[in-house]
Amino acid sequence: MSYYYTVAALPTLRLGEKVPISEEEFLQFAEDTLKEEDYQILLKSRLDSFEPTGSVFADSILSWEKELRLELAKERLAKLDFEPPHGLPESDGRDVLTEQVRTALSIGQPLEAEIFLNKLRWDYLEEKKGSHFADLEALIVYYFKLQIALRQEKFQKEAGRQVFEKEYCAVKRAISNYGEGEIE
C-alpha cells in the first residue's frame, strides 16, 4: 500500500541536527494515517527490540542491528579478556560488521564512537531504503532514523562522560569480583 500523504507530510530528518518531530507526534500521525496492521508493524520496529515485527523488511534491519551489537560485545569482551559465563548469542552470519566495529572501538572518545556507530546505522538505513519512497518500508526506515536521531540528540558530553565513568568502574569491579569467585 502507498502512503504518499503520510511520507510527504513528515519533516526531513538529518543526523546531528535538532529533530523536528517527537516520537509521540510521529506515532500519533502514523496511527491516524496508516492501516491498523501496518501501524502495528511500525510500532514493533524498535531498535531496542529484536522481536519479530511482522515485516521481513523491518526484521532484516533488526537483524543487522543485532549483529552490530553482538560484534560490539565480542570486541569489548576480547579487549577486557573476559569470557561471560553463559557466552554470547550466536550470529546468524548474514552481516559481517567486524571492521566497522573495530573502527568504532578504536576511536578514543566514547561519544565520538557512538556518533560513528549512529552514522553507520544511518547509512545502512539509507541503503535499505533504496526505492522505497511512499510505502510502509519508507516509514519503517523513517522511524528507525527518528530513533537514532533522537538518541543522538540526547548526547551531552559532560553528562555522558560521568555516566560512562560510573558504568566503566562498575564493570571493572564486577570483572574483578568475578575473578575472585564473586558476582556483584
Protein backbone atom coordinates (compact mmCIF):
# COMPACT_ATOMS: atom_id res chain seq x y z
CA MET A 1 0.00 0.00 0.00
CA SER A 2 1.19 3.52 -0.71
CA TYR A 3 1.32 6.26 1.87
CA TYR A 4 2.15 9.28 -0.27
CA TYR A 5 0.43 11.78 2.02
CA THR A 6 1.98 10.37 5.19
CA VAL A 7 5.53 10.34 3.84
CA ALA A 8 5.20 13.77 2.16
CA ALA A 9 3.91 15.36 5.36
CA LEU A 10 6.84 14.22 7.51
CA PRO A 11 9.68 16.65 8.21
CA THR A 12 13.15 15.80 6.94
CA LEU A 13 15.48 14.16 9.43
CA ARG A 14 19.18 14.94 9.49
CA LEU A 15 21.55 13.17 11.84
CA GLY A 16 23.25 15.61 14.17
CA GLU A 17 20.60 18.32 13.80
CA LYS A 18 17.66 19.19 16.04
CA VAL A 19 14.93 16.62 15.49
CA PRO A 20 11.82 18.37 14.10
CA ILE A 21 9.27 15.84 15.39
CA SER A 22 8.91 13.86 18.59
CA GLU A 23 8.46 10.12 18.60
CA GLU A 24 4.99 10.58 20.10
CA GLU A 25 3.96 13.01 17.35
CA PHE A 26 5.25 10.67 14.67
CA LEU A 27 3.45 7.65 16.09
CA GLN A 28 0.20 9.60 16.50
CA PHE A 29 0.41 10.78 12.90
CA ALA A 30 1.17 7.26 11.74
CA GLU A 31 -1.75 5.86 13.72
CA ASP A 32 -4.04 8.44 12.10
CA THR A 33 -2.89 7.74 8.53
CA LEU A 34 -1.86 4.06 8.31
CA LYS A 35 -3.86 0.88 8.08
CA GLU A 36 -4.05 -0.74 11.52
CA GLU A 37 -1.92 -3.77 10.57
CA ASP A 38 0.79 -1.53 9.08
CA TYR A 39 0.70 0.70 12.14
CA GLN A 40 1.23 -2.35 14.39
CA ILE A 41 4.27 -3.36 12.34
CA LEU A 42 5.62 0.17 12.63
CA LEU A 43 5.13 0.13 16.42
CA LYS A 44 7.21 -3.06 16.67
CA SER A 45 10.04 -1.51 14.61
CA ARG A 46 12.13 -0.51 17.60
CA LEU A 47 15.91 -0.53 17.74
CA ASP A 48 15.72 -1.74 21.35
CA SER A 49 13.67 -4.84 20.48
CA PHE A 50 14.56 -7.90 18.46
CA GLU A 51 11.09 -9.43 18.48
CA PRO A 52 9.61 -10.20 15.04
CA THR A 53 7.69 -7.27 13.65
CA GLY A 54 5.58 -8.99 11.01
CA SER A 55 7.66 -7.36 8.26
CA VAL A 56 10.56 -9.12 6.57
CA PHE A 57 11.97 -5.68 5.74
CA ALA A 58 11.92 -4.39 9.35
CA ASP A 59 13.16 -7.73 10.67
CA SER A 60 16.17 -7.58 8.34
CA ILE A 61 17.08 -4.16 9.77
CA LEU A 62 16.73 -5.51 13.31
CA SER A 63 18.88 -8.50 12.35
CA TRP A 64 21.60 -6.11 11.17
CA GLU A 65 21.34 -4.13 14.42
CA LYS A 66 21.57 -7.34 16.45
CA GLU A 67 24.71 -8.32 14.54
CA LEU A 68 26.21 -4.88 15.19
CA ARG A 69 25.56 -5.18 18.93
CA LEU A 70 26.83 -8.75 19.04
CA GLU A 71 30.05 -7.77 17.30
CA LEU A 72 30.45 -4.81 19.69
CA ALA A 73 30.02 -7.16 22.65
CA LYS A 74 32.57 -9.64 21.26
CA GLU A 75 35.17 -6.95 20.68
CA ARG A 76 34.63 -5.31 24.06
CA LEU A 77 34.86 -8.63 25.88
CA ALA A 78 38.03 -9.52 23.95
CA LYS A 79 39.61 -6.20 25.00
CA LEU A 80 38.79 -6.98 28.62
CA ASP A 81 39.99 -10.59 28.21
CA PHE A 82 36.71 -11.73 29.75
CA GLU A 83 34.60 -14.75 28.93
CA PRO A 84 30.96 -14.39 30.02
CA PRO A 85 29.69 -17.43 31.93
CA HIS A 86 26.82 -18.05 29.53
CA GLY A 87 28.51 -16.95 26.32
CA LEU A 88 27.01 -14.68 23.71
CA PRO A 89 24.13 -15.42 21.35
CA GLU A 90 25.10 -16.96 18.05
CA SER A 91 25.43 -14.80 14.97
CA ASP A 92 23.16 -15.53 12.04
CA GLY A 93 26.13 -14.73 9.80
CA ARG A 94 24.16 -12.54 7.41
CA ASP A 95 26.03 -9.34 8.17
CA VAL A 96 29.74 -9.07 8.82
CA LEU A 97 30.47 -5.89 10.71
CA THR A 98 33.83 -6.72 12.27
CA GLU A 99 35.83 -3.97 10.58
CA GLN A 100 33.22 -1.28 11.24
CA VAL A 101 33.11 -2.25 14.91
CA ARG A 102 36.90 -2.26 15.22
CA THR A 103 36.98 1.20 13.67
CA ALA A 104 34.36 2.43 16.14
CA LEU A 105 36.17 0.95 19.12
CA SER A 106 39.49 2.42 18.00
CA ILE A 107 38.04 5.92 18.38
CA GLY A 108 39.43 7.26 21.63
CA GLN A 109 36.36 9.18 22.80
CA PRO A 110 33.20 7.20 23.68
CA LEU A 111 30.94 10.00 22.42
CA GLU A 112 32.72 10.11 19.06
CA ALA A 113 32.50 6.31 18.83
CA GLU A 114 28.73 6.46 19.45
CA ILE A 115 28.35 9.16 16.82
CA PHE A 116 30.32 6.95 14.40
CA LEU A 117 28.03 3.99 15.16
CA ASN A 118 24.93 6.14 14.67
CA LYS A 119 26.28 7.30 11.30
CA LEU A 120 26.93 3.66 10.39
CA ARG A 121 23.31 2.82 11.29
CA TRP A 122 22.01 5.85 9.38
CA ASP A 123 23.96 4.93 6.24
CA TYR A 124 22.71 1.36 6.44
CA LEU A 125 19.12 2.62 6.64
CA GLU A 126 19.70 4.89 3.64
CA GLU A 127 20.94 1.87 1.72
CA LYS A 128 17.97 -0.25 2.82
CA LYS A 129 15.50 2.45 1.84
CA GLY A 130 16.55 2.09 -1.79
CA SER A 131 13.49 2.54 -3.96
CA HIS A 132 11.02 2.77 -1.09
CA PHE A 133 9.61 6.29 -1.18
CA ALA A 134 5.95 6.20 -0.14
CA ASP A 135 5.27 2.79 1.32
CA LEU A 136 5.39 1.11 4.71
CA GLU A 137 9.08 0.33 4.24
CA ALA A 138 9.86 4.03 3.80
CA LEU A 139 8.01 4.74 7.05
CA ILE A 140 9.85 1.95 8.83
CA VAL A 141 13.17 3.47 7.75
CA TYR A 142 11.95 6.89 8.85
CA TYR A 143 11.01 5.55 12.28
CA PHE A 144 14.36 3.82 12.77
CA LYS A 145 16.14 7.01 11.71
CA LEU A 146 13.97 9.04 14.08
CA GLN A 147 15.00 6.78 16.96
CA ILE A 148 18.68 7.21 16.06
CA ALA A 149 18.38 10.99 15.68
CA LEU A 150 16.54 11.35 18.99
CA ARG A 151 19.10 9.18 20.74
CA GLN A 152 21.97 11.21 19.37
CA GLU A 153 20.22 14.47 20.26
CA LYS A 154 20.32 13.37 23.91
CA PHE A 155 24.10 13.02 23.93
CA GLN A 156 25.70 15.53 26.23
CA LYS A 157 29.46 15.40 26.64
CA GLU A 158 29.85 16.00 30.36
CA ALA A 159 26.82 14.00 31.49
CA GLY A 160 27.83 11.21 29.14
CA ARG A 161 31.38 11.15 30.48
CA GLN A 162 30.10 10.89 34.06
CA VAL A 163 27.72 8.04 33.22
CA PHE A 164 30.42 6.27 31.20
CA GLU A 165 32.97 6.50 34.03
CA LYS A 166 30.44 5.27 36.59
CA GLU A 167 29.45 2.30 34.40
CA TYR A 168 33.05 1.54 33.48
CA CYS A 169 34.05 1.41 37.15
CA ALA A 170 31.09 -0.88 37.88
CA VAL A 171 32.11 -3.23 35.06
CA LYS A 172 35.73 -3.29 36.26
CA ARG A 173 34.56 -4.10 39.80
CA ALA A 174 32.28 -6.86 38.53
CA ILE A 175 35.09 -8.40 36.47
CA SER A 176 37.47 -8.17 39.39
CA ASN A 177 34.92 -9.81 41.69
CA TYR A 178 34.16 -12.46 39.06
CA GLY A 179 37.85 -13.37 39.01
CA GLU A 180 37.69 -13.81 42.78
CA GLY A 181 34.66 -16.06 42.52
CA GLU A 182 32.11 -13.40 43.47
CA ILE A 183 29.44 -11.89 41.32
CA GLU A 184 28.07 -8.46 42.18
